[in-house]
Amino acid sequence: MVLLRQELGDVLREERQQQRRTLREVSAAARVSLGYLSEVERGQKEASSELLASICGALELPMSIVLSQVSERVAETERTEAGVASLPVPARATGLVSAA
């Protein structure tokens, strides 16, 4: 079973590490305790929308990008768990417009 908080934490941690920033640096910039940010990154705590916005701001990363990456990871996990090569994607999710 895929947990949204784990995928979100993974995306945030990977971005922070790509930026070569420490938990301390990001927690200070986001005005979040170091311990809480660590728990969010490890998928142990749910991030509120306000907290997520603050962390994304500290990382200078649009929340929409983070959520998009989380969505892609969740979809991949669902496909893997279902043993299906690909699940159908609704037209609205791909940006396609129906000709109807």
C-alpha atoms as a PDB file:
ATOM      1  CA  MET A   1       0.000   0.000   0.000  1.00  0.00           C
ATOM      2  CA  VAL A   2       1.360   3.378  -0.985  1.00  0.00           C
ATOM      3  CA  LEU A   3       1.351   6.102   1.653  1.00  0.00           C
ATOM      4  CA  LEU A   4       1.117   9.663   0.431  1.00  0.00           C
ATOM      5  CA  ARG A   5       3.141  11.010   3.360  1.00  0.00           C
ATOM      6  CA  GLN A   6       6.041   8.677   2.523  1.00  0.00           C
ATOM      7  CA  GLU A   7       6.109   9.684  -1.130  1.00  0.00           C
ATOM      8  CA  LEU A   8       5.885  13.371  -0.188  1.00  0.00           C
ATOM      9  CA  GLY A   9       8.722  12.979   2.287  1.00  0.00           C
ATOM     10  CA  ASP A  10      10.878  11.219  -0.280  1.00  0.00           C
ATOM     11  CA  VAL A  11      10.337  13.985  -2.843  1.00  0.00           C
ATOM     12  CA  LEU A  12      11.149  16.709  -0.313  1.00  0.00           C
ATOM     13  CA  ARG A  13      14.271  14.925   0.962  1.00  0.00           C
ATOM     14  CA  GLU A  14      15.558  14.212  -2.550  1.00  0.00           C
ATOM     15  CA  GLU A  15      15.095  17.845  -3.558  1.00  0.00           C
ATOM     16  CA  ARG A  16      16.851  19.088  -0.419  1.00  0.00           C
ATOM     17  CA  GLN A  17      19.750  16.711  -1.016  1.00  0.00           C
ATOM     18  CA  GLN A  18      19.999  17.720  -4.686  1.00  0.00           C
ATOM     19  CA  GLN A  19      20.369  21.292  -3.484  1.00  0.00           C
ATOM     20  CA  ARG A  20      23.097  20.092  -1.087  1.00  0.00           C
ATOM     21  CA  ARG A  21      21.286  21.658   1.840  1.00  0.00           C
ATOM     22  CA  THR A  22      21.048  20.348   5.357  1.00  0.00           C
ATOM     23  CA  LEU A  23      17.901  19.693   7.350  1.00  0.00           C
ATOM     24  CA  ARG A  24      19.006  22.533   9.627  1.00  0.00           C
ATOM     25  CA  GLU A  25      19.246  25.012   6.746  1.00  0.00           C
ATOM     26  CA  VAL A  26      15.841  24.127   5.306  1.00  0.00           C
ATOM     27  CA  SER A  27      14.108  23.942   8.676  1.00  0.00           C
ATOM     28  CA  ALA A  28      15.410  27.408   9.577  1.00  0.00           C
ATOM     29  CA  ALA A  29      14.332  28.863   6.226  1.00  0.00           C
ATOM     30  CA  ALA A  30      10.911  27.197   6.478  1.00  0.00           C
ATOM     31  CA  ARG A  31      10.538  28.160  10.156  1.00  0.00           C
ATOM     32  CA  VAL A  32       9.826  24.541  11.062  1.00  0.00           C
ATOM     33  CA  SER A  33      11.566  22.582  13.783  1.00  0.00           C
ATOM     34  CA  LEU A  34      14.382  20.403  12.565  1.00  0.00           C
ATOM     35  CA  GLY A  35      12.832  17.351  14.208  1.00  0.00           C
ATOM     36  CA  TYR A  36       9.452  17.902  12.589  1.00  0.00           C
ATOM     37  CA  LEU A  37      10.964  18.412   9.136  1.00  0.00           C
ATOM     38  CA  SER A  38      12.946  15.219   9.617  1.00  0.00           C
ATOM     39  CA  GLU A  39       9.769  13.328  10.502  1.00  0.00           C
ATOM     40  CA  VAL A  40       8.006  14.730   7.428  1.00  0.00           C
ATOM     41  CA  GLU A  41      10.900  13.660   5.192  1.00  0.00           C
ATOM     42  CA  ARG A  42      10.831  10.154   6.692  1.00  0.00           C
ATOM     43  CA  GLY A  43       7.079   9.886   6.114  1.00  0.00           C
ATOM     44  CA  GLN A  44       6.314   9.722   9.827  1.00  0.00           C
ATOM     45  CA  LYS A  45       4.283  12.947   9.986  1.00  0.00           C
ATOM     46  CA  GLU A  46       1.625  14.386   7.715  1.00  0.00           C
ATOM     47  CA  ALA A  47       2.486  17.851   6.422  1.00  0.00           C
ATOM     48  CA  SER A  48      -0.348  20.375   6.548  1.00  0.00           C
ATOM     49  CA  SER A  49      -0.831  22.523   3.471  1.00  0.00           C
ATOM     50  CA  GLU A  50       0.660  25.485   5.360  1.00  0.00           C
ATOM     51  CA  LEU A  51       3.711  23.467   6.393  1.00  0.00           C
ATOM     52  CA  LEU A  52       4.150  22.089   2.888  1.00  0.00           C
ATOM     53  CA  ALA A  53       3.953  25.601   1.442  1.00  0.00           C
ATOM     54  CA  SER A  54       6.588  26.769   3.905  1.00  0.00           C
ATOM     55  CA  ILE A  55       8.943  23.887   3.091  1.00  0.00           C
ATOM     56  CA  CYS A  56       8.458  24.373  -0.647  1.00  0.00           C
ATOM     57  CA  GLY A  57       9.161  28.076  -0.211  1.00  0.00           C
ATOM     58  CA  ALA A  58      12.363  27.313   1.671  1.00  0.00           C
ATOM     59  CA  LEU A  59      13.402  24.967  -1.138  1.00  0.00           C
ATOM     60  CA  GLU A  60      12.361  27.563  -3.749  1.00  0.00           C
ATOM     61  CA  LEU A  61      10.298  24.854  -5.381  1.00  0.00           C
ATOM     62  CA  PRO A  62       6.686  25.352  -6.503  1.00  0.00           C
ATOM     63  CA  MET A  63       4.264  23.195  -4.548  1.00  0.00           C
ATOM     64  CA  SER A  64       2.694  22.144  -7.845  1.00  0.00           C
ATOM     65  CA  ILE A  65       5.994  20.546  -8.896  1.00  0.00           C
ATOM     66  CA  VAL A  66       6.263  18.649  -5.605  1.00  0.00           C
ATOM     67  CA  LEU A  67       2.687  17.413  -5.845  1.00  0.00           C
ATOM     68  CA  SER A  68       3.180  16.416  -9.478  1.00  0.00           C
ATOM     69  CA  GLN A  69       6.243  14.353  -8.571  1.00  0.00           C
ATOM     70  CA  VAL A  70       4.352  12.739  -5.689  1.00  0.00           C
ATOM     71  CA  SER A  71       1.476  11.927  -8.039  1.00  0.00           C
ATOM     72  CA  GLU A  72       3.836  10.283 -10.532  1.00  0.00           C
ATOM     73  CA  ARG A  73       5.386   8.163  -7.759  1.00  0.00           C
ATOM     74  CA  VAL A  74       1.991   7.090  -6.446  1.00  0.00           C
ATOM     75  CA  ALA A  75       0.851   6.118  -9.949  1.00  0.00           C
ATOM     76  CA  GLU A  76       4.029   4.090 -10.517  1.00  0.00           C
ATOM     77  CA  THR A  77       3.593   2.293  -7.205  1.00  0.00           C
ATOM     78  CA  GLU A  78      -0.037   1.531  -8.022  1.00  0.00           C
ATOM     79  CA  ARG A  79       0.949   0.103 -11.393  1.00  0.00           C
ATOM     80  CA  THR A  80       3.669  -2.007  -9.806  1.00  0.00           C
ATOM     81  CA  GLU A  81       1.414  -3.283  -7.034  1.00  0.00           C
ATOM     82  CA  ALA A  82      -1.357  -4.085  -9.505  1.00  0.00           C
ATOM     83  CA  GLY A  83       1.094  -5.917 -11.759  1.00  0.00           C
ATOM     84  CA  VAL A  84      -0.165  -3.859 -14.683  1.00  0.00           C
ATOM     85  CA  ALA A  85       2.137  -2.333 -17.291  1.00  0.00           C
ATOM     86  CA  SER A  86       0.037   0.807 -17.384  1.00  0.00           C
ATOM     87  CA  LEU A  87      -3.254   1.936 -15.970  1.00  0.00           C
ATOM     88  CA  PRO A  88      -5.623   4.007 -18.089  1.00  0.00           C
ATOM     89  CA  VAL A  89      -5.183   7.723 -17.499  1.00  0.00           C
ATOM     90  CA  PRO A  90      -8.282   9.936 -17.638  1.00  0.00           C
ATOM     91  CA  ALA A  91      -8.136  12.542 -20.419  1.00  0.00           C
ATOM     92  CA  ARG A  92      -8.316  15.401 -17.919  1.00  0.00           C
ATOM     93  CA  ALA A  93      -5.170  14.134 -16.161  1.00  0.00           C
ATOM     94  CA  THR A  94      -3.119  14.281 -19.358  1.00  0.00           C
ATOM     95  CA  GLY A  95      -4.288  17.710 -20.414  1.00  0.00           C
ATOM     96  CA  LEU A  96      -6.109  16.289 -23.434  1.00  0.00           C
ATOM     97  CA  VAL A  97      -9.408  17.812 -24.427  1.00  0.00           C
ATOM     98  CA  SER A  98     -12.249  15.691 -25.685  1.00  0.00           C
ATOM     99  CA  ALA A  99     -13.535  16.487 -29.175  1.00  0.00           C
ATOM    100  CA  ALA A 100     -17.096  15.696 -28.064  1.00  0.00           C
END
